[in-house]
């Protein structure tokens, strides 16, 4: 599985909760959320495109930073 870092425009616990919800629905992922740094690190077999589209379902601005 590959670890990838994403920047997600999160400002509160509700935002990180939305990220948690969409990633848990995707399944087969392990992730950590750093709310103050607005970073999400995801360990998964899913492609970057799938992960980006999933994170965008939160309605937040999302960008792919790179592999960890």
C-alpha atoms as a PDB file:
ATOM      1  CA  UNK A   1       0.000   0.000   0.000  1.00  0.00           C
ATOM      2  CA  UNK A   2       1.162   3.500  -0.815  1.00  0.00           C
ATOM      3  CA  UNK A   3       1.113   6.486   1.541  1.00  0.00           C
ATOM      4  CA  UNK A   4       0.048   9.729  -0.081  1.00  0.00           C
ATOM      5  CA  UNK A   5      -0.324  13.208   1.358  1.00  0.00           C
ATOM      6  CA  UNK A   6      -3.130  15.590   0.455  1.00  0.00           C
ATOM      7  CA  UNK A   7      -3.773  19.194   1.403  1.00  0.00           C
ATOM      8  CA  UNK A   8      -7.418  19.705   2.390  1.00  0.00           C
ATOM      9  CA  UNK A   9      -8.856  23.118   3.279  1.00  0.00           C
ATOM     10  CA  UNK A  10     -10.175  22.127   6.727  1.00  0.00           C
ATOM     11  CA  UNK A  11     -10.869  24.667   9.464  1.00  0.00           C
ATOM     12  CA  UNK A  12     -12.735  22.735  12.167  1.00  0.00           C
ATOM     13  CA  UNK A  13     -13.628  19.349  13.627  1.00  0.00           C
ATOM     14  CA  UNK A  14     -16.672  19.219  11.349  1.00  0.00           C
ATOM     15  CA  UNK A  15     -14.364  19.443   8.330  1.00  0.00           C
ATOM     16  CA  UNK A  16     -12.152  16.614   9.555  1.00  0.00           C
ATOM     17  CA  UNK A  17     -15.299  14.626  10.353  1.00  0.00           C
ATOM     18  CA  UNK A  18     -16.451  15.028   6.749  1.00  0.00           C
ATOM     19  CA  UNK A  19     -13.062  13.742   5.532  1.00  0.00           C
ATOM     20  CA  UNK A  20     -13.285  10.769   7.905  1.00  0.00           C
ATOM     21  CA  UNK A  21     -16.809   9.972   6.677  1.00  0.00           C
ATOM     22  CA  UNK A  22     -15.976   9.934   2.950  1.00  0.00           C
ATOM     23  CA  UNK A  23     -12.758   7.938   3.440  1.00  0.00           C
ATOM     24  CA  UNK A  24     -14.492   5.340   5.612  1.00  0.00           C
ATOM     25  CA  UNK A  25     -17.144   4.909   2.882  1.00  0.00           C
ATOM     26  CA  UNK A  26     -14.380   4.318   0.317  1.00  0.00           C
ATOM     27  CA  UNK A  27     -12.982   1.435   2.375  1.00  0.00           C
ATOM     28  CA  UNK A  28      -9.581  -0.272   2.353  1.00  0.00           C
ATOM     29  CA  UNK A  29      -7.836   2.884   3.591  1.00  0.00           C
ATOM     30  CA  UNK A  30      -5.824   3.890   6.629  1.00  0.00           C
ATOM     31  CA  UNK A  31      -5.448   7.604   7.182  1.00  0.00           C
ATOM     32  CA  UNK A  32      -4.423  10.321   9.581  1.00  0.00           C
ATOM     33  CA  UNK A  33      -5.710  13.870   9.688  1.00  0.00           C
ATOM     34  CA  UNK A  34      -3.587  16.827  10.802  1.00  0.00           C
ATOM     35  CA  UNK A  35      -6.191  19.570  11.205  1.00  0.00           C
ATOM     36  CA  UNK A  36      -3.827  22.450  12.155  1.00  0.00           C
ATOM     37  CA  UNK A  37      -1.595  21.718   9.128  1.00  0.00           C
ATOM     38  CA  UNK A  38      -4.617  20.924   6.883  1.00  0.00           C
ATOM     39  CA  UNK A  39      -3.037  17.643   5.799  1.00  0.00           C
ATOM     40  CA  UNK A  40      -4.457  14.178   5.268  1.00  0.00           C
ATOM     41  CA  UNK A  41      -2.106  11.204   4.847  1.00  0.00           C
ATOM     42  CA  UNK A  42      -3.793   8.181   3.285  1.00  0.00           C
ATOM     43  CA  UNK A  43      -2.386   4.670   3.014  1.00  0.00           C
ATOM     44  CA  UNK A  44      -4.289   2.795   0.321  1.00  0.00           C
ATOM     45  CA  UNK A  45      -4.175   0.794  -2.900  1.00  0.00           C
ATOM     46  CA  UNK A  46      -6.587   3.256  -4.520  1.00  0.00           C
ATOM     47  CA  UNK A  47      -5.249   5.569  -7.244  1.00  0.00           C
ATOM     48  CA  UNK A  48      -4.520   9.233  -6.607  1.00  0.00           C
ATOM     49  CA  UNK A  49      -7.483  10.144  -8.843  1.00  0.00           C
ATOM     50  CA  UNK A  50      -9.893   8.022  -6.806  1.00  0.00           C
ATOM     51  CA  UNK A  51      -8.604   9.498  -3.541  1.00  0.00           C
ATOM     52  CA  UNK A  52      -8.831  13.068  -4.892  1.00  0.00           C
ATOM     53  CA  UNK A  53     -12.398  12.555  -6.127  1.00  0.00           C
ATOM     54  CA  UNK A  54     -13.361  11.027  -2.779  1.00  0.00           C
ATOM     55  CA  UNK A  55     -11.877  13.922  -0.796  1.00  0.00           C
ATOM     56  CA  UNK A  56     -13.578  16.462  -3.093  1.00  0.00           C
ATOM     57  CA  UNK A  57     -16.947  15.033  -2.013  1.00  0.00           C
ATOM     58  CA  UNK A  58     -16.417  16.991   1.231  1.00  0.00           C
ATOM     59  CA  UNK A  59     -16.815  20.230  -0.741  1.00  0.00           C
ATOM     60  CA  UNK A  60     -13.371  21.401   0.367  1.00  0.00           C
ATOM     61  CA  UNK A  61     -10.465  22.513  -1.790  1.00  0.00           C
ATOM     62  CA  UNK A  62      -8.165  19.502  -2.155  1.00  0.00           C
ATOM     63  CA  UNK A  63      -4.729  19.067  -3.705  1.00  0.00           C
ATOM     64  CA  UNK A  64      -2.325  16.166  -3.961  1.00  0.00           C
ATOM     65  CA  UNK A  65       1.013  16.907  -2.259  1.00  0.00           C
ATOM     66  CA  UNK A  66       2.883  13.678  -3.041  1.00  0.00           C
ATOM     67  CA  UNK A  67       3.951  10.287  -1.759  1.00  0.00           C
ATOM     68  CA  UNK A  68       5.172  10.019   1.819  1.00  0.00           C
END
